[in-house]
C-alpha atoms as a PDB file:
ATOM      1  CA  MET A   1     130.619  94.978  73.148  1.00  0.00           C
ATOM      2  CA  GLN A   2     133.508  96.523  75.067  1.00  0.00           C
ATOM      3  CA  PRO A   3     132.716  99.910  76.550  1.00  0.00           C
ATOM      4  CA  GLU A   4     135.134 102.586  75.353  1.00  0.00           C
ATOM      5  CA  LYS A   5     138.332 102.737  77.491  1.00  0.00           C
ATOM      6  CA  SER A   6     137.081  99.950  79.710  1.00  0.00           C
ATOM      7  CA  PHE A   7     136.911  96.190  80.159  1.00  0.00           C
ATOM      8  CA  GLN A   8     134.473  93.287  80.285  1.00  0.00           C
ATOM      9  CA  GLN A   9     134.084  91.316  83.492  1.00  0.00           C
ATOM     10  CA  TYR A  10     133.291  87.594  83.803  1.00  0.00           C
ATOM     11  CA  THR A  11     132.661  85.600  86.978  1.00  0.00           C
ATOM     12  CA  LEU A  12     133.336  81.926  87.692  1.00  0.00           C
ATOM     13  CA  LEU A  13     131.620  80.370  90.714  1.00  0.00           C
ATOM     14  CA  LEU A  14     133.886  77.719  92.258  1.00  0.00           C
ATOM     15  CA  HIS A  15     133.354  75.269  95.100  1.00  0.00           C
ATOM     16  CA  ASN A  16     136.070  73.222  96.815  1.00  0.00           C
ATOM     17  CA  PRO A  17     134.210  69.982  97.622  1.00  0.00           C
ATOM     18  CA  THR A  18     137.367  68.264  98.881  1.00  0.00           C
ATOM     19  CA  LEU A  19     139.008  68.097 102.290  1.00  0.00           C
ATOM     20  CA  GLU A  20     142.160  69.613 100.804  1.00  0.00           C
ATOM     21  CA  THR A  21     143.366  73.225 100.774  1.00  0.00           C
ATOM     22  CA  PHE A  22     144.523  74.662  97.443  1.00  0.00           C
ATOM     23  CA  THR A  23     146.584  77.727  96.557  1.00  0.00           C
ATOM     24  CA  PHE A  24     145.832  79.657  93.356  1.00  0.00           C
ATOM     25  CA  SER A  25     148.790  80.616  91.209  1.00  0.00           C
ATOM     26  CA  ASP A  26     147.376  82.109  88.012  1.00  0.00           C
ATOM     27  CA  ILE A  27     144.287  82.555  85.854  1.00  0.00           C
ATOM     28  CA  THR A  28     144.801  82.741  82.094  1.00  0.00           C
ATOM     29  CA  LEU A  29     142.715  82.846  78.948  1.00  0.00           C
ATOM     30  CA  GLY A  30     142.737  79.760  76.738  1.00  0.00           C
ATOM     31  CA  SER A  31     143.962  80.541  73.200  1.00  0.00           C
ATOM     32  CA  PRO A  32     143.381  84.289  73.473  1.00  0.00           C
ATOM     33  CA  GLU A  33     143.295  86.340  70.288  1.00  0.00           C
ATOM     34  CA  GLY A  34     143.126  90.116  70.687  1.00  0.00           C
ATOM     35  CA  LEU A  35     142.290  89.952  74.417  1.00  0.00           C
ATOM     36  CA  THR A  36     144.352  90.830  77.481  1.00  0.00           C
ATOM     37  CA  VAL A  37     143.632  90.010  81.118  1.00  0.00           C
ATOM     38  CA  VAL A  38     143.319  93.279  83.060  1.00  0.00           C
ATOM     39  CA  SER A  39     142.920  91.736  86.517  1.00  0.00           C
ATOM     40  CA  VAL A  40     141.722  88.633  88.345  1.00  0.00           C
ATOM     41  CA  ASP A  41     140.238  88.862  91.835  1.00  0.00           C
ATOM     42  CA  VAL A  42     138.536  86.535  94.301  1.00  0.00           C
ATOM     43  CA  THR A  43     135.482  87.279  96.450  1.00  0.00           C
ATOM     44  CA  PRO A  44     133.391  85.058  98.746  1.00  0.00           C
ATOM     45  CA  ALA A  45     130.317  83.533  97.108  1.00  0.00           C
ATOM     46  CA  ASN A  46     126.942  82.468  98.429  1.00  0.00           C
ATOM     47  CA  LYS A  47     127.188  78.679  98.723  1.00  0.00           C
ATOM     48  CA  GLU A  48     123.652  78.271  97.386  1.00  0.00           C
ATOM     49  CA  GLY A  49     124.839  79.689  94.070  1.00  0.00           C
ATOM     50  CA  HIS A  50     123.487  82.089  91.502  1.00  0.00           C
ATOM     51  CA  GLY A  51     119.824  80.938  91.758  1.00  0.00           C
ATOM     52  CA  ASN A  52     119.333  82.593  95.141  1.00  0.00           C
ATOM     53  CA  HIS A  53     119.199  86.160  93.830  1.00  0.00           C
ATOM     54  CA  GLY A  54     121.100  87.542  96.820  1.00  0.00           C
ATOM     55  CA  ALA A  55     119.437  85.365  99.469  1.00  0.00           C
ATOM     56  CA  ALA A  56     121.253  85.090 102.750  1.00  0.00           C
ATOM     57  CA  PRO A  57     123.558  82.078 103.121  1.00  0.00           C
ATOM     58  CA  GLY A  58     121.669  79.124 104.583  1.00  0.00           C
ATOM     59  CA  THR A  59     118.273  80.078 103.137  1.00  0.00           C
ATOM     60  CA  ALA A  60     116.517  78.197 100.396  1.00  0.00           C
ATOM     61  CA  PRO A  61     115.944  79.880  97.027  1.00  0.00           C
ATOM     62  CA  HIS A  62     112.675  81.814  97.077  1.00  0.00           C
ATOM     63  CA  ALA A  63     112.318  81.160 100.833  1.00  0.00           C
ATOM     64  CA  GLU A  64     110.164  84.267 101.111  1.00  0.00           C
ATOM     65  CA  HIS A  65     107.329  82.208  99.571  1.00  0.00           C
ATOM     66  CA  GLU A  66     107.491  79.557 102.319  1.00  0.00           C
ATOM     67  CA  ALA A  67     106.074  79.457 105.853  1.00  0.00           C
ATOM     68  CA  ILE A  68     106.936  82.389 108.107  1.00  0.00           C
ATOM     69  CA  PRO A  69     109.642  81.367 110.616  1.00  0.00           C
ATOM     70  CA  SER A  70     109.258  81.802 114.363  1.00  0.00           C
ATOM     71  CA  PRO A  71     110.793  84.985 115.882  1.00  0.00           C
ATOM     72  CA  ALA A  72     113.784  82.950 117.140  1.00  0.00           C
ATOM     73  CA  GLU A  73     114.552  81.964 113.543  1.00  0.00           C
ATOM     74  CA  THR A  74     114.400  85.479 112.124  1.00  0.00           C
ATOM     75  CA  GLU A  75     117.913  86.627 113.071  1.00  0.00           C
ATOM     76  CA  PRO A  76     119.008  88.543 109.978  1.00  0.00           C
ATOM     77  CA  GLU A  77     122.003  87.203 108.125  1.00  0.00           C
ATOM     78  CA  PRO A  78     123.883  89.409 105.691  1.00  0.00           C
ATOM     79  CA  SER A  79     122.748  88.906 102.098  1.00  0.00           C
ATOM     80  CA  THR A  80     125.851  90.506 100.643  1.00  0.00           C
ATOM     81  CA  PHE A  81     129.504  90.392 101.529  1.00  0.00           C
ATOM     82  CA  ASP A  82     131.360  93.470 102.721  1.00  0.00           C
ATOM     83  CA  VAL A  83     134.686  91.923 101.747  1.00  0.00           C
ATOM     84  CA  GLU A  84     136.961  93.640  99.277  1.00  0.00           C
ATOM     85  CA  PRO A  85     138.090  91.451  96.366  1.00  0.00           C
ATOM     86  CA  VAL A  86     141.634  90.139  96.688  1.00  0.00           C
ATOM     87  CA  PRO A  87     144.102  89.215  93.931  1.00  0.00           C
ATOM     88  CA  VAL A  88     143.888  85.562  92.924  1.00  0.00           C
ATOM     89  CA  GLU A  89     147.617  84.830  93.059  1.00  0.00           C
ATOM     90  CA  GLY A  90     148.405  83.171  96.394  1.00  0.00           C
ATOM     91  CA  PHE A  91     144.749  82.938  97.454  1.00  0.00           C
ATOM     92  CA  ILE A  92     144.114  79.959  99.767  1.00  0.00           C
ATOM     93  CA  PHE A  93     140.991  77.991  98.739  1.00  0.00           C
ATOM     94  CA  GLU A  94     139.729  76.256 101.884  1.00  0.00           C
ATOM     95  CA  PRO A  95     137.749  72.981 101.956  1.00  0.00           C
ATOM     96  CA  ASP A  96     134.008  73.398 101.282  1.00  0.00           C
ATOM     97  CA  ALA A  97     134.486  77.109 100.436  1.00  0.00           C
ATOM     98  CA  HIS A  98     132.553  78.838  97.652  1.00  0.00           C
ATOM     99  CA  ILE A  99     134.202  81.726  95.800  1.00  0.00           C
ATOM    100  CA  ASP A 100     133.710  83.908  92.770  1.00  0.00           C
ATOM    101  CA  ILE A 101     136.706  84.442  90.531  1.00  0.00           C
ATOM    102  CA  VAL A 102     136.230  87.760  88.730  1.00  0.00           C
ATOM    103  CA  VAL A 103     138.194  87.996  85.467  1.00  0.00           C
ATOM    104  CA  LYS A 104     138.420  91.383  83.737  1.00  0.00           C
ATOM    105  CA  VAL A 105     139.526  91.409  80.099  1.00  0.00           C
ATOM    106  CA  ALA A 106     140.065  94.142  77.519  1.00  0.00           C
ATOM    107  CA  LEU A 107     140.664  94.276  73.814  1.00  0.00           C
ATOM    108  CA  GLU A 108     144.229  94.879  72.737  1.00  0.00           C
ATOM    109  CA  LYS A 109     144.662  98.355  71.243  1.00  0.00           C
ATOM    110  CA  SER A 110     145.144  97.031  67.708  1.00  0.00           C
ATOM    111  CA  ALA A 111     142.218  94.551  67.837  1.00  0.00           C
ATOM    112  CA  ASP A 112     138.611  95.191  66.841  1.00  0.00           C
ATOM    113  CA  ARG A 113     137.550  91.766  68.112  1.00  0.00           C
ATOM    114  CA  GLY A 114     138.953  89.427  70.730  1.00  0.00           C
ATOM    115  CA  THR A 115     138.221  85.838  71.695  1.00  0.00           C
ATOM    116  CA  ALA A 116     139.261  83.207  74.206  1.00  0.00           C
ATOM    117  CA  GLU A 117     138.276  79.533  74.270  1.00  0.00           C
ATOM    118  CA  ASN A 118     138.128  79.228  78.058  1.00  0.00           C
ATOM    119  CA  VAL A 119     139.436  80.486  81.373  1.00  0.00           C
ATOM    120  CA  ALA A 120     142.214  78.296  82.806  1.00  0.00           C
ATOM    121  CA  VAL A 121     142.615  78.204  86.589  1.00  0.00           C
ATOM    122  CA  GLN A 122     146.032  77.111  87.886  1.00  0.00           C
ATOM    123  CA  PHE A 123     146.247  75.977  91.503  1.00  0.00           C
ATOM    124  CA  SER A 124     148.194  73.574  93.682  1.00  0.00           C
ATOM    125  CA  SER A 125     148.054  71.398  96.761  1.00  0.00           C
ATOM    126  CA  PRO A 126     151.124  70.446  98.791  1.00  0.00           C
ATOM    127  CA  ASP A 127     151.454  67.328  96.607  1.00  0.00           C
ATOM    128  CA  ARG A 128     150.468  68.400  93.099  1.00  0.00           C
ATOM    129  CA  GLU A 129     149.818  71.234  90.621  1.00  0.00           C
ATOM    130  CA  TYR A 130     146.572  71.521  88.642  1.00  0.00           C
ATOM    131  CA  SER A 131     145.216  73.438  85.663  1.00  0.00           C
ATOM    132  CA  VAL A 132     141.486  73.340  84.957  1.00  0.00           C
ATOM    133  CA  ALA A 133     139.962  74.959  81.868  1.00  0.00           C
ATOM    134  CA  HIS A 134     136.487  76.343  82.591  1.00  0.00           C
ATOM    135  CA  PRO A 135     134.317  76.315  79.439  1.00  0.00           C
ATOM    136  CA  LEU A 136     133.644  80.032  79.269  1.00  0.00           C
ATOM    137  CA  ASN A 137     133.974  81.134  75.634  1.00  0.00           C
ATOM    138  CA  ILE A 138     134.647  84.865  75.506  1.00  0.00           C
ATOM    139  CA  THR A 139     134.068  87.148  72.524  1.00  0.00           C
ATOM    140  CA  VAL A 140     134.492  90.908  72.800  1.00  0.00           C
ATOM    141  CA  ASP A 141     133.845  93.212  69.852  1.00  0.00           C
ATOM    142  CA  ARG A 142     134.814  96.866  69.778  1.00  0.00           C
ATOM    143  CA  THR A 143     131.939  98.066  67.582  1.00  0.00           C
ATOM    144  CA  SER A 144     128.947  95.708  67.748  1.00  0.00           C
ATOM    145  CA  CYS A 145     126.990  93.505  70.109  1.00  0.00           C
ATOM    146  CA  SER A 146     126.730  90.501  67.776  1.00  0.00           C
END
């Protein structure tokens, strides 16, 4: 359900497993009905993914349950990023980088319900342009949580 006078936020975790650098051009909703994109930003992501529950980069999920490391291995690494989100347009996606794309959507004023079939990410390399539809079905309802 959309909070009054607000938006819903969705996050896509992306990894660039190639040796190529890509530039983002746009993020759109696939077949949107009653929904508008409010903003799209990029932030760094933990390369171990969502299962780490905020673990520091380079640590295994649930590492706190494993053997205690020697004092030389206990240098603290940041578990969160102090980097402000940046707009997606023009963002350079480096090889082997992990990022979160944060898409904020809102219902159009005249709509009580909005949907989108996916989130399409448009990006390019020096040689080619791409558009990849991520299978994130979105449904936002103004009055119920169904």
